[in-house]
């Protein structure tokens, strides 16, 4: 989704219309507040896999229309830190997988969208950054395959230029022979 941890913790069912999630509040150490910035108070599109998950989750929660989207048993907002400590880290440790942090999801989304050819301004809007330079500098990472493909494209352009030069040189030599 591209949401920040505090935004996920602060989600309520009223902010979901089946197509988009509207960020209306964030959580910081269990305290509800305004989203991080004015740009953060925007709707983000919900893709089909997330929509399916949210609809199933809504049914499990009793089909609420107005409530915390991810509540604890005490009906308080779920802390992603607690979820990480109690469930995610133990599972990753058992599987021998290194934890990259929740923020890796936002960077991963930006990087994957970029690799798919999505322009940087659109990625900025999805992540709701106020400045595209933040998206470019800190979120979009170059993948090894992209570097290899870029160098191959450069190599091909050099080869194409060499062939053109050779053809031009041949034509010039032929012209001199005719003279």
N, C-alpha and C. Protein backbone atom coordinates (compact mmCIF):
# COMPACT_ATOMS: atom_id res chain seq x y z
N UNK A 1 0.82 -1.21 0.00
CA UNK A 1 0.00 0.00 0.00
C UNK A 1 0.86 1.26 0.00
N UNK A 2 2.05 1.19 0.54
CA UNK A 2 2.89 2.36 0.64
C UNK A 2 2.64 3.18 1.90
N UNK A 3 1.81 2.66 2.80
CA UNK A 3 1.53 3.39 4.03
C UNK A 3 2.69 3.29 5.01
N UNK A 4 2.83 4.31 5.85
CA UNK A 4 3.80 4.31 6.93
C UNK A 4 3.23 3.48 8.08
N UNK A 5 4.09 3.02 8.97
CA UNK A 5 3.64 2.19 10.10
C UNK A 5 2.55 2.89 10.91
N UNK A 6 2.79 4.13 11.28
CA UNK A 6 1.81 4.86 12.08
C UNK A 6 0.48 5.05 11.36
N UNK A 7 0.53 5.14 10.03
CA UNK A 7 -0.70 5.27 9.25
C UNK A 7 -1.48 3.97 9.25
N UNK A 8 -0.76 2.84 9.17
CA UNK A 8 -1.43 1.53 9.23
C UNK A 8 -2.08 1.36 10.59
N UNK A 9 -1.34 1.69 11.63
CA UNK A 9 -1.89 1.56 12.99
C UNK A 9 -3.11 2.45 13.18
N UNK A 10 -3.16 3.58 12.51
CA UNK A 10 -4.26 4.53 12.68
C UNK A 10 -5.44 4.31 11.75
N UNK A 11 -5.37 3.31 10.87
CA UNK A 11 -6.47 3.11 9.92
C UNK A 11 -7.77 2.74 10.60
N UNK A 12 -8.84 3.30 10.06
CA UNK A 12 -10.19 2.97 10.51
C UNK A 12 -10.99 2.57 9.28
N UNK A 13 -12.01 1.77 9.49
CA UNK A 13 -12.80 1.29 8.36
C UNK A 13 -13.46 2.42 7.58
N UNK A 14 -13.73 3.53 8.25
CA UNK A 14 -14.35 4.67 7.55
C UNK A 14 -13.44 5.22 6.44
N UNK A 15 -12.14 4.97 6.55
CA UNK A 15 -11.20 5.52 5.57
C UNK A 15 -11.04 4.63 4.34
N UNK A 16 -11.75 3.52 4.29
CA UNK A 16 -11.65 2.57 3.18
C UNK A 16 -12.98 2.50 2.45
N UNK A 17 -12.95 2.79 1.15
CA UNK A 17 -14.20 2.76 0.36
C UNK A 17 -14.26 1.60 -0.62
N UNK A 18 -13.35 0.65 -0.48
CA UNK A 18 -13.31 -0.49 -1.39
C UNK A 18 -12.36 -0.29 -2.56
N UNK A 19 -12.00 0.95 -2.83
CA UNK A 19 -11.08 1.28 -3.93
C UNK A 19 -9.85 2.03 -3.45
N UNK A 20 -10.03 2.84 -2.40
CA UNK A 20 -8.92 3.64 -1.89
C UNK A 20 -8.90 3.63 -0.36
N UNK A 21 -7.73 3.94 0.18
CA UNK A 21 -7.57 4.17 1.61
C UNK A 21 -7.23 5.65 1.78
N UNK A 22 -7.97 6.33 2.59
CA UNK A 22 -7.72 7.75 2.86
C UNK A 22 -7.01 7.84 4.21
N UNK A 23 -5.84 8.45 4.20
CA UNK A 23 -5.09 8.61 5.44
C UNK A 23 -5.64 9.84 6.16
N UNK A 24 -6.26 9.61 7.30
CA UNK A 24 -6.85 10.72 8.06
C UNK A 24 -6.19 10.90 9.43
N UNK A 25 -5.45 9.86 9.88
CA UNK A 25 -4.75 10.00 11.15
C UNK A 25 -3.57 9.05 11.17
N UNK A 26 -2.65 9.34 12.03
CA UNK A 26 -1.50 8.48 12.23
C UNK A 26 -1.35 8.21 13.72
N UNK A 27 -0.57 7.21 14.02
CA UNK A 27 -0.31 6.87 15.42
C UNK A 27 1.18 7.02 15.67
N UNK A 28 1.52 7.51 16.83
CA UNK A 28 2.91 7.57 17.25
C UNK A 28 2.97 7.12 18.70
N UNK A 29 3.56 5.94 18.92
CA UNK A 29 3.67 5.36 20.25
C UNK A 29 2.31 5.29 20.96
N UNK A 30 1.31 4.89 20.19
CA UNK A 30 -0.02 4.69 20.75
C UNK A 30 -0.88 5.93 20.83
N UNK A 31 -0.37 7.06 20.40
CA UNK A 31 -1.12 8.31 20.47
C UNK A 31 -1.54 8.71 19.06
N UNK A 32 -2.84 8.93 18.88
CA UNK A 32 -3.36 9.32 17.58
C UNK A 32 -3.07 10.78 17.31
N UNK A 33 -2.77 11.08 16.06
CA UNK A 33 -2.51 12.46 15.68
C UNK A 33 -2.71 12.65 14.19
N UNK A 34 -2.34 13.82 13.74
CA UNK A 34 -2.45 14.14 12.32
C UNK A 34 -1.43 13.32 11.52
N UNK A 35 -1.71 13.08 10.24
CA UNK A 35 -0.71 12.44 9.39
C UNK A 35 0.56 13.30 9.34
N UNK A 36 1.64 12.70 8.88
CA UNK A 36 2.96 13.32 8.91
C UNK A 36 3.01 14.68 8.22
N UNK A 37 2.34 14.83 7.09
CA UNK A 37 2.38 16.10 6.35
C UNK A 37 1.05 16.31 5.63
N UNK A 38 0.93 17.50 5.02
CA UNK A 38 -0.28 17.79 4.24
C UNK A 38 -0.38 16.82 3.06
N UNK A 39 0.76 16.50 2.44
CA UNK A 39 0.77 15.57 1.31
C UNK A 39 0.36 14.17 1.74
N UNK A 40 0.59 13.85 3.02
CA UNK A 40 0.23 12.53 3.54
C UNK A 40 -1.27 12.33 3.65
N UNK A 41 -2.03 13.43 3.73
CA UNK A 41 -3.49 13.34 3.86
C UNK A 41 -4.12 13.12 2.50
N UNK A 42 -3.76 12.04 1.87
CA UNK A 42 -4.26 11.75 0.54
C UNK A 42 -4.75 10.32 0.48
N UNK A 43 -5.53 10.03 -0.53
CA UNK A 43 -6.00 8.67 -0.74
C UNK A 43 -4.98 7.91 -1.57
N UNK A 44 -4.87 6.64 -1.30
CA UNK A 44 -4.01 5.79 -2.11
C UNK A 44 -4.86 4.69 -2.72
N UNK A 45 -4.54 4.29 -3.95
CA UNK A 45 -5.31 3.22 -4.58
C UNK A 45 -5.04 1.88 -3.90
N UNK A 46 -6.07 1.06 -3.83
CA UNK A 46 -5.96 -0.27 -3.24
C UNK A 46 -5.97 -1.28 -4.38
N UNK A 47 -4.88 -2.04 -4.51
CA UNK A 47 -4.79 -3.05 -5.57
C UNK A 47 -5.57 -4.30 -5.16
N UNK A 48 -5.92 -5.12 -6.13
CA UNK A 48 -6.79 -6.28 -5.91
C UNK A 48 -6.33 -7.21 -4.78
N UNK A 49 -5.05 -7.59 -4.70
CA UNK A 49 -4.67 -8.49 -3.59
C UNK A 49 -4.91 -7.88 -2.21
N UNK A 50 -4.64 -6.59 -2.07
CA UNK A 50 -4.89 -5.92 -0.79
C UNK A 50 -6.39 -5.82 -0.54
N UNK A 51 -7.14 -5.49 -1.58
CA UNK A 51 -8.60 -5.40 -1.45
C UNK A 51 -9.17 -6.73 -0.95
N UNK A 52 -8.71 -7.84 -1.53
CA UNK A 52 -9.17 -9.17 -1.11
C UNK A 52 -8.84 -9.41 0.36
N UNK A 53 -7.60 -9.09 0.75
CA UNK A 53 -7.21 -9.26 2.15
C UNK A 53 -8.08 -8.41 3.07
N UNK A 54 -8.28 -7.14 2.71
CA UNK A 54 -9.06 -6.24 3.57
C UNK A 54 -10.51 -6.70 3.70
N UNK A 55 -11.10 -7.18 2.61
CA UNK A 55 -12.49 -7.66 2.68
C UNK A 55 -12.59 -8.92 3.55
N UNK A 56 -11.61 -9.82 3.45
CA UNK A 56 -11.60 -11.01 4.31
C UNK A 56 -11.39 -10.61 5.77
N UNK A 57 -10.48 -9.67 5.99
CA UNK A 57 -10.21 -9.19 7.35
C UNK A 57 -11.45 -8.52 7.94
N UNK A 58 -12.15 -7.76 7.12
CA UNK A 58 -13.38 -7.09 7.58
C UNK A 58 -14.42 -8.12 8.02
N UNK A 59 -14.56 -9.20 7.25
CA UNK A 59 -15.52 -10.25 7.62
C UNK A 59 -15.13 -10.91 8.93
N UNK A 60 -13.85 -11.21 9.11
CA UNK A 60 -13.37 -11.81 10.35
C UNK A 60 -13.65 -10.90 11.54
N UNK A 61 -13.58 -9.59 11.31
CA UNK A 61 -13.81 -8.60 12.38
C UNK A 61 -15.30 -8.35 12.63
N UNK A 62 -16.18 -9.02 11.90
CA UNK A 62 -17.61 -8.84 12.11
C UNK A 62 -18.24 -7.82 11.18
N UNK A 63 -17.57 -7.51 10.07
CA UNK A 63 -18.06 -6.59 9.04
C UNK A 63 -18.35 -5.18 9.57
N UNK A 64 -17.41 -4.58 10.29
CA UNK A 64 -17.64 -3.23 10.82
C UNK A 64 -17.60 -2.18 9.71
N UNK A 65 -18.28 -1.09 9.93
CA UNK A 65 -18.20 0.04 9.01
C UNK A 65 -17.47 1.21 9.67
N UNK A 66 -17.43 1.21 11.00
CA UNK A 66 -16.76 2.29 11.74
C UNK A 66 -16.06 1.69 12.95
N UNK A 67 -14.76 1.46 12.80
CA UNK A 67 -13.96 0.91 13.90
C UNK A 67 -12.50 0.94 13.49
N UNK A 68 -11.64 0.65 14.43
CA UNK A 68 -10.21 0.52 14.14
C UNK A 68 -10.05 -0.67 13.19
N UNK A 69 -9.28 -0.49 12.15
CA UNK A 69 -9.13 -1.54 11.15
C UNK A 69 -8.32 -2.73 11.69
N UNK A 70 -7.28 -2.44 12.47
CA UNK A 70 -6.43 -3.51 13.00
C UNK A 70 -6.36 -3.37 14.52
N UNK A 71 -7.41 -3.86 15.20
CA UNK A 71 -7.47 -3.70 16.66
C UNK A 71 -6.77 -4.85 17.40
N UNK A 72 -6.40 -4.55 18.64
CA UNK A 72 -5.92 -5.60 19.55
C UNK A 72 -7.15 -6.25 20.17
N UNK A 73 -6.92 -7.25 21.02
CA UNK A 73 -8.05 -7.88 21.74
C UNK A 73 -8.78 -6.89 22.64
N UNK A 74 -8.05 -5.83 23.05
CA UNK A 74 -8.66 -4.81 23.92
C UNK A 74 -9.30 -3.69 23.11
N UNK A 75 -9.37 -3.88 21.79
CA UNK A 75 -9.96 -2.91 20.86
C UNK A 75 -9.20 -1.58 20.83
N UNK A 76 -7.89 -1.68 21.00
CA UNK A 76 -7.01 -0.52 20.81
C UNK A 76 -6.24 -0.75 19.51
N UNK A 77 -5.67 0.31 18.92
CA UNK A 77 -4.92 0.11 17.68
C UNK A 77 -3.73 -0.83 17.88
N UNK A 78 -3.58 -1.76 16.96
CA UNK A 78 -2.47 -2.69 16.98
C UNK A 78 -1.15 -1.94 16.85
N UNK A 79 -0.18 -2.32 17.64
CA UNK A 79 1.17 -1.75 17.54
C UNK A 79 1.98 -2.65 16.63
N UNK A 80 2.49 -2.10 15.52
CA UNK A 80 3.32 -2.91 14.63
C UNK A 80 4.61 -3.34 15.32
N UNK A 81 5.09 -2.54 16.26
CA UNK A 81 6.27 -2.92 17.03
C UNK A 81 6.02 -4.19 17.83
N UNK A 82 4.85 -4.27 18.45
CA UNK A 82 4.50 -5.48 19.21
C UNK A 82 4.31 -6.67 18.27
N UNK A 83 3.67 -6.43 17.12
CA UNK A 83 3.48 -7.49 16.12
C UNK A 83 4.84 -8.02 15.66
N UNK A 84 5.76 -7.10 15.43
CA UNK A 84 7.11 -7.48 15.02
C UNK A 84 7.77 -8.34 16.10
N UNK A 85 7.74 -7.85 17.33
CA UNK A 85 8.41 -8.53 18.44
C UNK A 85 7.79 -9.90 18.72
N UNK A 86 6.46 -9.97 18.73
CA UNK A 86 5.77 -11.19 19.15
C UNK A 86 5.62 -12.24 18.04
N UNK A 87 5.53 -11.81 16.78
CA UNK A 87 5.22 -12.76 15.72
C UNK A 87 6.19 -12.75 14.53
N UNK A 88 6.48 -11.57 14.01
CA UNK A 88 7.27 -11.49 12.78
C UNK A 88 8.72 -11.91 13.02
N UNK A 89 9.39 -11.30 14.00
CA UNK A 89 10.80 -11.62 14.24
C UNK A 89 11.02 -13.09 14.58
N UNK A 90 10.20 -13.67 15.46
CA UNK A 90 10.42 -15.10 15.74
C UNK A 90 10.29 -15.98 14.48
N UNK A 91 9.33 -15.66 13.63
CA UNK A 91 9.15 -16.44 12.40
C UNK A 91 10.33 -16.25 11.45
N UNK A 92 10.80 -15.01 11.31
CA UNK A 92 11.94 -14.74 10.44
C UNK A 92 13.21 -15.38 10.99
N UNK A 93 13.42 -15.27 12.30
CA UNK A 93 14.60 -15.88 12.92
C UNK A 93 14.60 -17.39 12.69
N UNK A 94 13.45 -18.01 12.86
CA UNK A 94 13.33 -19.45 12.66
C UNK A 94 13.65 -19.84 11.22
N UNK A 95 13.25 -18.99 10.27
CA UNK A 95 13.49 -19.26 8.85
C UNK A 95 14.88 -18.80 8.39
N UNK A 96 15.63 -18.12 9.28
CA UNK A 96 16.95 -17.63 8.93
C UNK A 96 16.92 -16.44 7.99
N UNK A 97 15.85 -15.65 8.06
CA UNK A 97 15.69 -14.48 7.20
C UNK A 97 16.01 -13.22 8.00
N UNK A 98 16.82 -12.35 7.41
CA UNK A 98 17.20 -11.10 8.08
C UNK A 98 16.06 -10.09 7.93
N UNK A 99 15.72 -9.44 9.02
CA UNK A 99 14.66 -8.42 9.01
C UNK A 99 15.21 -7.12 8.46
N UNK A 100 14.51 -6.55 7.46
CA UNK A 100 14.96 -5.31 6.84
C UNK A 100 14.23 -4.08 7.34
N UNK A 101 13.29 -4.27 8.24
CA UNK A 101 12.54 -3.14 8.77
C UNK A 101 11.26 -2.89 7.98
N UNK A 102 10.27 -2.31 8.63
CA UNK A 102 9.00 -2.01 7.97
C UNK A 102 9.18 -1.03 6.83
N UNK A 103 10.16 -0.13 6.97
CA UNK A 103 10.35 0.89 5.95
C UNK A 103 10.78 0.29 4.61
N UNK A 104 11.34 -0.92 4.67
CA UNK A 104 11.75 -1.60 3.45
C UNK A 104 10.56 -1.84 2.52
N UNK A 105 9.36 -1.95 3.07
CA UNK A 105 8.18 -2.14 2.24
C UNK A 105 7.92 -0.90 1.37
N UNK A 106 8.07 0.28 1.94
CA UNK A 106 7.88 1.52 1.16
C UNK A 106 8.97 1.68 0.11
N UNK A 107 10.21 1.41 0.50
CA UNK A 107 11.30 1.47 -0.47
C UNK A 107 11.12 0.42 -1.56
N UNK A 108 10.70 -0.77 -1.17
CA UNK A 108 10.48 -1.84 -2.14
C UNK A 108 9.38 -1.49 -3.12
N UNK A 109 8.31 -0.87 -2.63
CA UNK A 109 7.22 -0.45 -3.52
C UNK A 109 7.73 0.57 -4.52
N UNK A 110 8.46 1.57 -4.04
CA UNK A 110 8.99 2.61 -4.94
C UNK A 110 9.93 2.00 -5.97
N UNK A 111 10.82 1.13 -5.53
CA UNK A 111 11.79 0.50 -6.43
C UNK A 111 11.10 -0.35 -7.48
N UNK A 112 10.12 -1.14 -7.06
CA UNK A 112 9.41 -2.01 -8.01
C UNK A 112 8.56 -1.21 -8.99
N UNK A 113 7.90 -0.17 -8.52
CA UNK A 113 7.13 0.67 -9.44
C UNK A 113 8.06 1.31 -10.46
N UNK A 114 9.21 1.78 -10.00
CA UNK A 114 10.19 2.40 -10.90
C UNK A 114 10.68 1.39 -11.94
N UNK A 115 10.96 0.16 -11.50
CA UNK A 115 11.42 -0.89 -12.41
C UNK A 115 10.36 -1.23 -13.46
N UNK A 116 9.10 -1.03 -13.10
CA UNK A 116 8.00 -1.28 -14.05
C UNK A 116 7.78 -0.11 -15.01
N UNK A 117 8.57 0.95 -14.84
CA UNK A 117 8.48 2.09 -15.75
C UNK A 117 7.53 3.19 -15.29
N UNK A 118 7.08 3.12 -14.05
CA UNK A 118 6.20 4.17 -13.51
C UNK A 118 7.05 5.41 -13.25
N UNK A 119 6.54 6.57 -13.66
CA UNK A 119 7.34 7.79 -13.50
C UNK A 119 7.45 8.20 -12.04
N UNK A 120 8.52 8.91 -11.74
CA UNK A 120 8.84 9.28 -10.36
C UNK A 120 7.77 10.13 -9.69
N UNK A 121 7.11 11.01 -10.45
CA UNK A 121 6.05 11.85 -9.86
C UNK A 121 4.86 11.01 -9.41
N UNK A 122 4.53 9.97 -10.16
CA UNK A 122 3.44 9.09 -9.77
C UNK A 122 3.82 8.32 -8.51
N UNK A 123 5.05 7.85 -8.45
CA UNK A 123 5.53 7.14 -7.25
C UNK A 123 5.49 8.08 -6.05
N UNK A 124 5.89 9.32 -6.25
CA UNK A 124 5.83 10.32 -5.18
C UNK A 124 4.40 10.44 -4.66
N UNK A 125 3.44 10.50 -5.56
CA UNK A 125 2.03 10.65 -5.15
C UNK A 125 1.54 9.43 -4.38
N UNK A 126 1.96 8.24 -4.81
CA UNK A 126 1.55 7.02 -4.12
C UNK A 126 2.13 6.98 -2.71
N UNK A 127 3.39 7.37 -2.57
CA UNK A 127 4.01 7.38 -1.24
C UNK A 127 3.64 8.63 -0.44
N UNK A 128 3.07 9.63 -1.15
CA UNK A 128 2.59 10.86 -0.54
C UNK A 128 3.71 11.68 0.06
N UNK A 129 4.81 11.77 -0.68
CA UNK A 129 5.90 12.67 -0.29
C UNK A 129 5.57 14.07 -0.78
N UNK A 130 6.01 15.07 -0.05
CA UNK A 130 5.74 16.44 -0.46
C UNK A 130 6.71 16.89 -1.55
N UNK A 131 7.82 16.18 -1.73
CA UNK A 131 8.82 16.56 -2.72
C UNK A 131 9.34 15.31 -3.43
N UNK A 132 9.35 15.32 -4.75
CA UNK A 132 9.77 14.15 -5.52
C UNK A 132 11.24 13.80 -5.27
N UNK A 133 12.05 14.78 -4.86
CA UNK A 133 13.47 14.49 -4.62
C UNK A 133 13.64 13.50 -3.46
N UNK A 134 12.74 13.52 -2.49
CA UNK A 134 12.79 12.56 -1.38
C UNK A 134 12.54 11.15 -1.94
N UNK A 135 11.55 11.04 -2.80
CA UNK A 135 11.24 9.75 -3.42
C UNK A 135 12.44 9.24 -4.20
N UNK A 136 13.03 10.10 -4.99
CA UNK A 136 14.16 9.70 -5.83
C UNK A 136 15.40 9.38 -5.01
N UNK A 137 15.69 10.19 -4.03
CA UNK A 137 16.95 10.03 -3.28
C UNK A 137 16.92 8.86 -2.29
N UNK A 138 15.79 8.66 -1.61
CA UNK A 138 15.77 7.71 -0.52
C UNK A 138 14.92 6.46 -0.75
N UNK A 139 14.07 6.48 -1.74
CA UNK A 139 13.13 5.36 -1.90
C UNK A 139 13.35 4.52 -3.15
N UNK A 140 13.68 5.14 -4.25
CA UNK A 140 13.88 4.39 -5.49
C UNK A 140 15.32 3.89 -5.51
N UNK A 141 15.49 2.60 -5.47
CA UNK A 141 16.82 1.98 -5.48
C UNK A 141 17.03 1.30 -6.84
N UNK A 142 18.24 1.35 -7.33
CA UNK A 142 18.57 0.68 -8.59
C UNK A 142 18.80 -0.80 -8.31
N UNK A 143 18.14 -1.64 -9.08
CA UNK A 143 18.31 -3.08 -8.94
C UNK A 143 19.49 -3.54 -9.78
N UNK A 144 20.18 -4.61 -9.39
CA UNK A 144 21.32 -5.09 -10.17
C UNK A 144 20.94 -5.37 -11.63
N UNK A 145 19.75 -5.93 -11.86
CA UNK A 145 19.32 -6.23 -13.23
C UNK A 145 19.21 -4.95 -14.06
N UNK A 146 18.76 -3.88 -13.42
CA UNK A 146 18.63 -2.61 -14.12
C UNK A 146 19.99 -2.08 -14.54
N UNK A 147 20.98 -2.21 -13.66
CA UNK A 147 22.33 -1.75 -13.99
C UNK A 147 22.90 -2.57 -15.15
N UNK A 148 22.72 -3.86 -15.10
CA UNK A 148 23.22 -4.74 -16.17
C UNK A 148 22.52 -4.40 -17.49
N UNK A 149 21.20 -4.23 -17.45
CA UNK A 149 20.44 -3.90 -18.67
C UNK A 149 20.87 -2.53 -19.22
N UNK A 150 21.13 -1.57 -18.33
CA UNK A 150 21.55 -0.25 -18.78
C UNK A 150 22.91 -0.32 -19.47
N UNK A 151 23.82 -1.07 -18.89
CA UNK A 151 25.16 -1.20 -19.51
C UNK A 151 25.09 -1.97 -20.82
N UNK A 152 24.22 -2.95 -20.92
CA UNK A 152 24.04 -3.69 -22.17
C UNK A 152 23.48 -2.77 -23.25
N UNK A 153 22.53 -1.91 -22.87
CA UNK A 153 21.97 -0.95 -23.81
C UNK A 153 23.05 0.01 -24.30
N UNK A 154 23.90 0.45 -23.37
CA UNK A 154 25.02 1.34 -23.72
C UNK A 154 25.99 0.62 -24.66
N UNK A 155 26.31 -0.62 -24.33
CA UNK A 155 27.19 -1.42 -25.17
C UNK A 155 26.63 -1.55 -26.58
N UNK A 156 25.33 -1.82 -26.68
CA UNK A 156 24.67 -1.95 -27.99
C UNK A 156 24.75 -0.64 -28.78
N UNK A 157 24.61 0.50 -28.08
CA UNK A 157 24.67 1.79 -28.78
C UNK A 157 26.07 2.05 -29.30
N UNK A 158 27.08 1.63 -28.54
CA UNK A 158 28.47 1.79 -29.00
C UNK A 158 28.71 0.92 -30.24
N UNK A 159 28.22 -0.31 -30.20
CA UNK A 159 28.38 -1.22 -31.34
C UNK A 159 27.66 -0.65 -32.57
N UNK A 160 26.47 -0.10 -32.36
CA UNK A 160 25.72 0.49 -33.47
C UNK A 160 26.49 1.68 -34.06
N UNK A 161 27.06 2.51 -33.21
CA UNK A 161 27.86 3.66 -33.68
C UNK A 161 29.09 3.18 -34.44
N UNK A 162 29.74 2.11 -33.96
CA UNK A 162 30.92 1.55 -34.64
C UNK A 162 30.55 1.05 -36.03
N UNK A 163 29.42 0.36 -36.14
CA UNK A 163 28.98 -0.15 -37.44
C UNK A 163 28.69 0.98 -38.42
N UNK A 164 28.06 2.04 -37.91
CA UNK A 164 27.76 3.20 -38.75
C UNK A 164 29.06 3.83 -39.23
N UNK A 165 30.03 3.98 -38.32
CA UNK A 165 31.33 4.55 -38.70
C UNK A 165 32.03 3.68 -39.73
N UNK A 166 31.99 2.36 -39.55
CA UNK A 166 32.62 1.44 -40.51
C UNK A 166 31.97 1.56 -41.89
N UNK A 167 30.64 1.62 -41.90
CA UNK A 167 29.94 1.75 -43.19
C UNK A 167 30.30 3.08 -43.86
N UNK A 168 30.40 4.12 -43.06
CA UNK A 168 30.76 5.43 -43.58
C UNK A 168 32.18 5.42 -44.14
N UNK A 169 33.10 4.77 -43.43
CA UNK A 169 34.49 4.68 -43.87
C UNK A 169 34.59 3.87 -45.16
N UNK A 170 33.82 2.79 -45.26
CA UNK A 170 33.81 1.98 -46.48
C UNK A 170 33.30 2.79 -47.66
N UNK A 171 32.23 3.53 -47.42
CA UNK A 171 31.66 4.35 -48.49
C UNK A 171 32.66 5.40 -48.94
N UNK A 172 33.39 6.00 -48.00
CA UNK A 172 34.38 7.02 -48.33
C UNK A 172 35.54 6.41 -49.12
N UNK A 173 35.98 5.21 -48.72
CA UNK A 173 37.05 4.53 -49.45
C UNK A 173 36.62 4.18 -50.87
N UNK A 174 35.40 3.71 -51.01
CA UNK A 174 34.88 3.37 -52.34
C UNK A 174 34.80 4.60 -53.21
N UNK A 175 34.41 5.72 -52.60
CA UNK A 175 34.32 6.97 -53.36
C UNK A 175 35.69 7.40 -53.86
N UNK A 176 36.71 7.24 -53.03
CA UNK A 176 38.08 7.62 -53.42
C UNK A 176 38.61 6.72 -54.54
N UNK A 177 38.25 5.41 -54.49
CA UNK A 177 38.69 4.49 -55.53
C UNK A 177 38.08 4.85 -56.88
N UNK A 178 36.83 5.27 -56.85
CA UNK A 178 36.12 5.63 -58.08
C UNK A 178 36.76 6.88 -58.67
N UNK A 179 37.22 7.77 -57.85
CA UNK A 179 37.81 9.02 -58.32
C UNK A 179 39.13 8.70 -58.92
